[in-house]
Amino acid sequence: MNNTALRAGAQSANNTHMVFANEEHEKFYFEKLEQARYQDCYHKALIYILGISEDTRNHFSQIYDIKSGYIKTECLHQGWQTSGSVRVVRLAFNLYTDGTPSIDDYKRKDEQIGECRGYSVSDIFCCGYAMYFWQGIKLRYPEYCQKQRSVEEILAEMEKKRAENSTDGNKE
């Protein structure tokens, strides 16, 4: 693994370093991204998110067919899934497809509604992976995450404008 190249590539669209859960996550991301059909925002988000959990890394081929580009929603019903890995898979699927693709695995409406609820923000983000989920969202929507200002920067700008306005009123 060439660390120099990986580190250079580990910058997101807003030119900040990507956050990885661990070295295995980082290695997985770059290896699988290189194998992917495209290196677009959909694949970057999918592969990054699926790399967070050891369970999803170990069962990647049961979740996603890297050659065809198809997700495998039936993986959500497999015995290796944990509450955390299900959250990882659902977010990855949602970012990749812009939808809730596993609801079609159910015939009854009440089951479909229950599965759709599994894609809610509160169901997905209530876990220890939340900070990494943000990185995945930034990869999927780079155009909206160009530069995020801190609260301090926003307040300083507001204070500066307030000071300018108060001095402009004194010039009359």
C-alpha atoms as a PDB file:
ATOM      1  CA  MET A   1       0.000   0.000   0.000  1.00  0.00           C
ATOM      2  CA  ASN A   2       1.521   3.292  -1.092  1.00  0.00           C
ATOM      3  CA  ASN A   3       0.718   5.641   1.798  1.00  0.00           C
ATOM      4  CA  THR A   4       1.851   8.773  -0.032  1.00  0.00           C
ATOM      5  CA  ALA A   5      -0.606   8.254  -2.857  1.00  0.00           C
ATOM      6  CA  LEU A   6      -3.382   7.252  -0.507  1.00  0.00           C
ATOM      7  CA  ARG A   7      -2.862  10.271   1.704  1.00  0.00           C
ATOM      8  CA  ALA A   8      -2.860  12.576  -1.318  1.00  0.00           C
ATOM      9  CA  GLY A   9      -6.089  10.981  -2.480  1.00  0.00           C
ATOM     10  CA  ALA A  10      -7.620  11.147   0.969  1.00  0.00           C
ATOM     11  CA  GLN A  11      -8.854  14.662   0.486  1.00  0.00           C
ATOM     12  CA  SER A  12     -12.508  15.366  -0.102  1.00  0.00           C
ATOM     13  CA  ALA A  13     -13.978  17.996  -2.409  1.00  0.00           C
ATOM     14  CA  ASN A  14     -13.645  20.712   0.221  1.00  0.00           C
ATOM     15  CA  ASN A  15      -9.904  19.952   0.513  1.00  0.00           C
ATOM     16  CA  THR A  16     -10.057  18.583   4.033  1.00  0.00           C
ATOM     17  CA  HIS A  17      -8.731  15.182   4.997  1.00  0.00           C
ATOM     18  CA  MET A  18     -11.140  12.299   5.066  1.00  0.00           C
ATOM     19  CA  VAL A  19     -11.895  10.626   8.358  1.00  0.00           C
ATOM     20  CA  PHE A  20     -11.586   6.846   8.515  1.00  0.00           C
ATOM     21  CA  ALA A  21     -12.679   4.567  11.338  1.00  0.00           C
ATOM     22  CA  ASN A  22      -9.351   2.719  11.201  1.00  0.00           C
ATOM     23  CA  GLU A  23      -6.607   1.595   8.817  1.00  0.00           C
ATOM     24  CA  GLU A  24      -8.718  -1.306   7.529  1.00  0.00           C
ATOM     25  CA  HIS A  25     -11.466   1.129   6.593  1.00  0.00           C
ATOM     26  CA  GLU A  26      -9.047   3.360   4.704  1.00  0.00           C
ATOM     27  CA  LYS A  27      -7.398   0.437   2.883  1.00  0.00           C
ATOM     28  CA  PHE A  28     -10.800  -1.035   1.974  1.00  0.00           C
ATOM     29  CA  TYR A  29     -12.035   2.292   0.601  1.00  0.00           C
ATOM     30  CA  PHE A  30      -9.145   2.845  -1.788  1.00  0.00           C
ATOM     31  CA  GLU A  31      -8.919  -0.788  -2.911  1.00  0.00           C
ATOM     32  CA  LYS A  32     -12.635  -1.147  -3.645  1.00  0.00           C
ATOM     33  CA  LEU A  33     -12.904   2.300  -5.227  1.00  0.00           C
ATOM     34  CA  GLU A  34     -10.150   1.349  -7.646  1.00  0.00           C
ATOM     35  CA  GLN A  35     -12.146  -1.785  -8.606  1.00  0.00           C
ATOM     36  CA  ALA A  36     -15.446   0.075  -8.996  1.00  0.00           C
ATOM     37  CA  ARG A  37     -16.963   0.747 -12.397  1.00  0.00           C
ATOM     38  CA  TYR A  38     -16.938   4.484 -11.717  1.00  0.00           C
ATOM     39  CA  GLN A  39     -15.248   6.745  -9.195  1.00  0.00           C
ATOM     40  CA  ASP A  40     -18.230   9.081  -8.959  1.00  0.00           C
ATOM     41  CA  CYS A  41     -19.873  10.458  -5.834  1.00  0.00           C
ATOM     42  CA  TYR A  42     -22.332   7.532  -5.676  1.00  0.00           C
ATOM     43  CA  HIS A  43     -19.617   4.879  -5.611  1.00  0.00           C
ATOM     44  CA  LYS A  44     -17.380   6.883  -3.287  1.00  0.00           C
ATOM     45  CA  ALA A  45     -20.179   7.214  -0.727  1.00  0.00           C
ATOM     46  CA  LEU A  46     -21.298   3.587  -1.051  1.00  0.00           C
ATOM     47  CA  ILE A  47     -17.812   2.132  -0.690  1.00  0.00           C
ATOM     48  CA  TYR A  48     -16.792   4.523   2.082  1.00  0.00           C
ATOM     49  CA  ILE A  49     -19.911   3.743   4.132  1.00  0.00           C
ATOM     50  CA  LEU A  50     -19.692  -0.025   3.582  1.00  0.00           C
ATOM     51  CA  GLY A  51     -16.067   0.090   4.714  1.00  0.00           C
ATOM     52  CA  ILE A  52     -16.877   1.516   8.146  1.00  0.00           C
ATOM     53  CA  SER A  53     -17.915  -1.767   9.762  1.00  0.00           C
ATOM     54  CA  GLU A  54     -15.808  -4.912   9.848  1.00  0.00           C
ATOM     55  CA  ASP A  55     -19.001  -6.912   9.242  1.00  0.00           C
ATOM     56  CA  THR A  56     -19.849  -5.031   6.051  1.00  0.00           C
ATOM     57  CA  ARG A  57     -16.244  -5.135   4.838  1.00  0.00           C
ATOM     58  CA  ASN A  58     -16.173  -8.911   5.356  1.00  0.00           C
ATOM     59  CA  HIS A  59     -19.486  -9.392   3.529  1.00  0.00           C
ATOM     60  CA  PHE A  60     -19.039  -6.758   0.821  1.00  0.00           C
ATOM     61  CA  SER A  61     -19.695  -9.183  -2.035  1.00  0.00           C
ATOM     62  CA  GLN A  62     -22.995 -10.190  -0.388  1.00  0.00           C
ATOM     63  CA  ILE A  63     -24.036  -6.516  -0.260  1.00  0.00           C
ATOM     64  CA  TYR A  64     -22.848  -5.148  -3.587  1.00  0.00           C
ATOM     65  CA  ASP A  65     -21.782  -6.611  -6.944  1.00  0.00           C
ATOM     66  CA  ILE A  66     -18.827  -4.446  -7.872  1.00  0.00           C
ATOM     67  CA  LYS A  67     -18.773  -5.679 -11.510  1.00  0.00           C
ATOM     68  CA  SER A  68     -22.445  -5.110 -12.317  1.00  0.00           C
ATOM     69  CA  GLY A  69     -23.016  -2.166  -9.969  1.00  0.00           C
ATOM     70  CA  TYR A  70     -26.087  -3.803  -8.397  1.00  0.00           C
ATOM     71  CA  ILE A  71     -26.873  -3.686  -4.709  1.00  0.00           C
ATOM     72  CA  LYS A  72     -28.153  -6.852  -3.049  1.00  0.00           C
ATOM     73  CA  THR A  73     -30.982  -5.871  -0.718  1.00  0.00           C
ATOM     74  CA  GLU A  74     -31.440  -9.455   0.441  1.00  0.00           C
ATOM     75  CA  CYS A  75     -28.266  -9.005   2.492  1.00  0.00           C
ATOM     76  CA  LEU A  76     -30.334  -7.153   5.102  1.00  0.00           C
ATOM     77  CA  HIS A  77     -31.969 -10.485   6.024  1.00  0.00           C
ATOM     78  CA  GLN A  78     -28.767 -12.487   6.453  1.00  0.00           C
ATOM     79  CA  GLY A  79     -27.686 -13.868   9.811  1.00  0.00           C
ATOM     80  CA  TRP A  80     -24.375 -11.995   9.990  1.00  0.00           C
ATOM     81  CA  GLN A  81     -26.135  -8.635  10.177  1.00  0.00           C
ATOM     82  CA  THR A  82     -26.007  -6.688  13.436  1.00  0.00           C
ATOM     83  CA  SER A  83     -27.990  -3.582  14.376  1.00  0.00           C
ATOM     84  CA  GLY A  84     -24.944  -1.492  13.443  1.00  0.00           C
ATOM     85  CA  SER A  85     -24.228  -3.206  10.132  1.00  0.00           C
ATOM     86  CA  VAL A  86     -27.883  -2.850   9.090  1.00  0.00           C
ATOM     87  CA  ARG A  87     -27.591   0.906   9.669  1.00  0.00           C
ATOM     88  CA  VAL A  88     -24.403   0.998   7.598  1.00  0.00           C
ATOM     89  CA  VAL A  89     -25.988  -0.929   4.725  1.00  0.00           C
ATOM     90  CA  ARG A  90     -29.182   1.140   4.704  1.00  0.00           C
ATOM     91  CA  LEU A  91     -27.292   4.428   4.598  1.00  0.00           C
ATOM     92  CA  ALA A  92     -24.992   3.103   1.864  1.00  0.00           C
ATOM     93  CA  PHE A  93     -27.998   1.955  -0.181  1.00  0.00           C
ATOM     94  CA  ASN A  94     -29.787   5.261   0.344  1.00  0.00           C
ATOM     95  CA  LEU A  95     -26.796   7.348  -0.747  1.00  0.00           C
ATOM     96  CA  TYR A  96     -26.186   5.084  -3.749  1.00  0.00           C
ATOM     97  CA  THR A  97     -29.792   4.867  -5.007  1.00  0.00           C
ATOM     98  CA  ASP A  98     -31.380   8.015  -3.565  1.00  0.00           C
ATOM     99  CA  GLY A  99     -34.113   5.807  -2.187  1.00  0.00           C
ATOM    100  CA  THR A 100     -35.125   2.956   0.084  1.00  0.00           C
ATOM    101  CA  PRO A 101     -34.592  -0.018  -2.234  1.00  0.00           C
ATOM    102  CA  SER A 102     -35.184  -2.801   0.280  1.00  0.00           C
ATOM    103  CA  ILE A 103     -38.871  -1.965   0.773  1.00  0.00           C
ATOM    104  CA  ASP A 104     -39.558  -3.934  -2.408  1.00  0.00           C
ATOM    105  CA  ASP A 105     -38.409  -7.062  -0.547  1.00  0.00           C
ATOM    106  CA  TYR A 106     -41.737  -6.976   1.303  1.00  0.00           C
ATOM    107  CA  LYS A 107     -45.206  -7.669  -0.088  1.00  0.00           C
ATOM    108  CA  ARG A 108     -47.416  -6.323   2.700  1.00  0.00           C
ATOM    109  CA  LYS A 109     -47.810  -2.564   3.061  1.00  0.00           C
ATOM    110  CA  ASP A 110     -47.235  -2.600   6.835  1.00  0.00           C
ATOM    111  CA  GLU A 111     -43.928  -4.443   6.306  1.00  0.00           C
ATOM    112  CA  GLN A 112     -42.926  -1.953   3.600  1.00  0.00           C
ATOM    113  CA  ILE A 113     -43.713   0.958   5.926  1.00  0.00           C
ATOM    114  CA  GLY A 114     -41.689  -0.666   8.705  1.00  0.00           C
ATOM    115  CA  GLU A 115     -38.719  -1.128   6.369  1.00  0.00           C
ATOM    116  CA  CYS A 116     -39.021   2.449   5.134  1.00  0.00           C
ATOM    117  CA  ARG A 117     -38.851   3.658   8.752  1.00  0.00           C
ATOM    118  CA  GLY A 118     -35.538   1.804   9.054  1.00  0.00           C
ATOM    119  CA  TYR A 119     -34.096   4.413   6.677  1.00  0.00           C
ATOM    120  CA  SER A 120     -35.062   7.347   8.903  1.00  0.00           C
ATOM    121  CA  VAL A 121     -32.324   9.640  10.168  1.00  0.00           C
ATOM    122  CA  SER A 122     -33.039   8.713  13.788  1.00  0.00           C
ATOM    123  CA  ASP A 123     -32.830   4.983  13.068  1.00  0.00           C
ATOM    124  CA  ILE A 124     -29.613   5.245  11.085  1.00  0.00           C
ATOM    125  CA  PHE A 125     -27.678   7.894  12.995  1.00  0.00           C
ATOM    126  CA  CYS A 126     -28.304   6.621  16.534  1.00  0.00           C
ATOM    127  CA  CYS A 127     -25.069   4.663  16.689  1.00  0.00           C
ATOM    128  CA  GLY A 128     -21.333   5.033  17.093  1.00  0.00           C
ATOM    129  CA  TYR A 129     -20.801   5.327  13.334  1.00  0.00           C
ATOM    130  CA  ALA A 130     -22.534   8.722  13.053  1.00  0.00           C
ATOM    131  CA  MET A 131     -19.351  10.779  12.656  1.00  0.00           C
ATOM    132  CA  TYR A 132     -18.279   8.541   9.753  1.00  0.00           C
ATOM    133  CA  PHE A 133     -21.735   8.746   8.218  1.00  0.00           C
ATOM    134  CA  TRP A 134     -21.181  12.524   7.874  1.00  0.00           C
ATOM    135  CA  GLN A 135     -18.046  11.863   5.832  1.00  0.00           C
ATOM    136  CA  GLY A 136     -20.077   9.589   3.535  1.00  0.00           C
ATOM    137  CA  ILE A 137     -22.681  12.307   3.065  1.00  0.00           C
ATOM    138  CA  LYS A 138     -19.931  14.788   2.181  1.00  0.00           C
ATOM    139  CA  LEU A 139     -18.636  12.355  -0.440  1.00  0.00           C
ATOM    140  CA  ARG A 140     -22.117  11.918  -1.927  1.00  0.00           C
ATOM    141  CA  TYR A 141     -22.974  15.626  -1.925  1.00  0.00           C
ATOM    142  CA  PRO A 142     -19.650  17.444  -2.408  1.00  0.00           C
ATOM    143  CA  GLU A 143     -21.303  20.429  -4.071  1.00  0.00           C
ATOM    144  CA  TYR A 144     -23.158  21.217  -0.838  1.00  0.00           C
ATOM    145  CA  CYS A 145     -20.180  20.639   1.444  1.00  0.00           C
ATOM    146  CA  GLN A 146     -17.633  22.897  -0.218  1.00  0.00           C
ATOM    147  CA  LYS A 147     -16.734  24.971   2.803  1.00  0.00           C
ATOM    148  CA  GLN A 148     -18.408  24.740   6.117  1.00  0.00           C
ATOM    149  CA  ARG A 149     -17.872  27.700   8.371  1.00  0.00           C
ATOM    150  CA  SER A 150     -17.624  27.315  12.097  1.00  0.00           C
ATOM    151  CA  VAL A 151     -20.022  29.036  14.474  1.00  0.00           C
ATOM    152  CA  GLU A 152     -17.132  31.284  15.518  1.00  0.00           C
ATOM    153  CA  GLU A 153     -16.558  32.393  11.906  1.00  0.00           C
ATOM    154  CA  ILE A 154     -20.255  33.160  11.417  1.00  0.00           C
ATOM    155  CA  LEU A 155     -20.459  35.138  14.673  1.00  0.00           C
ATOM    156  CA  ALA A 156     -17.274  37.076  13.845  1.00  0.00           C
ATOM    157  CA  GLU A 157     -18.709  38.004  10.448  1.00  0.00           C
ATOM    158  CA  MET A 158     -21.978  39.117  12.049  1.00  0.00           C
ATOM    159  CA  GLU A 159     -20.080  41.216  14.595  1.00  0.00           C
ATOM    160  CA  LYS A 160     -17.995  42.807  11.836  1.00  0.00           C
ATOM    161  CA  LYS A 161     -21.136  43.743   9.878  1.00  0.00           C
ATOM    162  CA  ARG A 162     -22.776  45.111  13.019  1.00  0.00           C
ATOM    163  CA  ALA A 163     -19.666  47.255  13.712  1.00  0.00           C
ATOM    164  CA  GLU A 164     -19.585  48.515  10.118  1.00  0.00           C
ATOM    165  CA  ASN A 165     -23.275  49.438  10.288  1.00  0.00           C
ATOM    166  CA  SER A 166     -22.851  51.307  13.563  1.00  0.00           C
ATOM    167  CA  THR A 167     -19.902  53.366  12.221  1.00  0.00           C
ATOM    168  CA  ASP A 168     -21.787  54.144   9.018  1.00  0.00           C
ATOM    169  CA  GLY A 169     -24.586  55.669  11.083  1.00  0.00           C
ATOM    170  CA  ASN A 170     -22.131  57.962  12.921  1.00  0.00           C
ATOM    171  CA  LYS A 171     -20.847  59.574   9.713  1.00  0.00           C
ATOM    172  CA  GLU A 172     -23.964  61.624   9.070  1.00  0.00           C
END
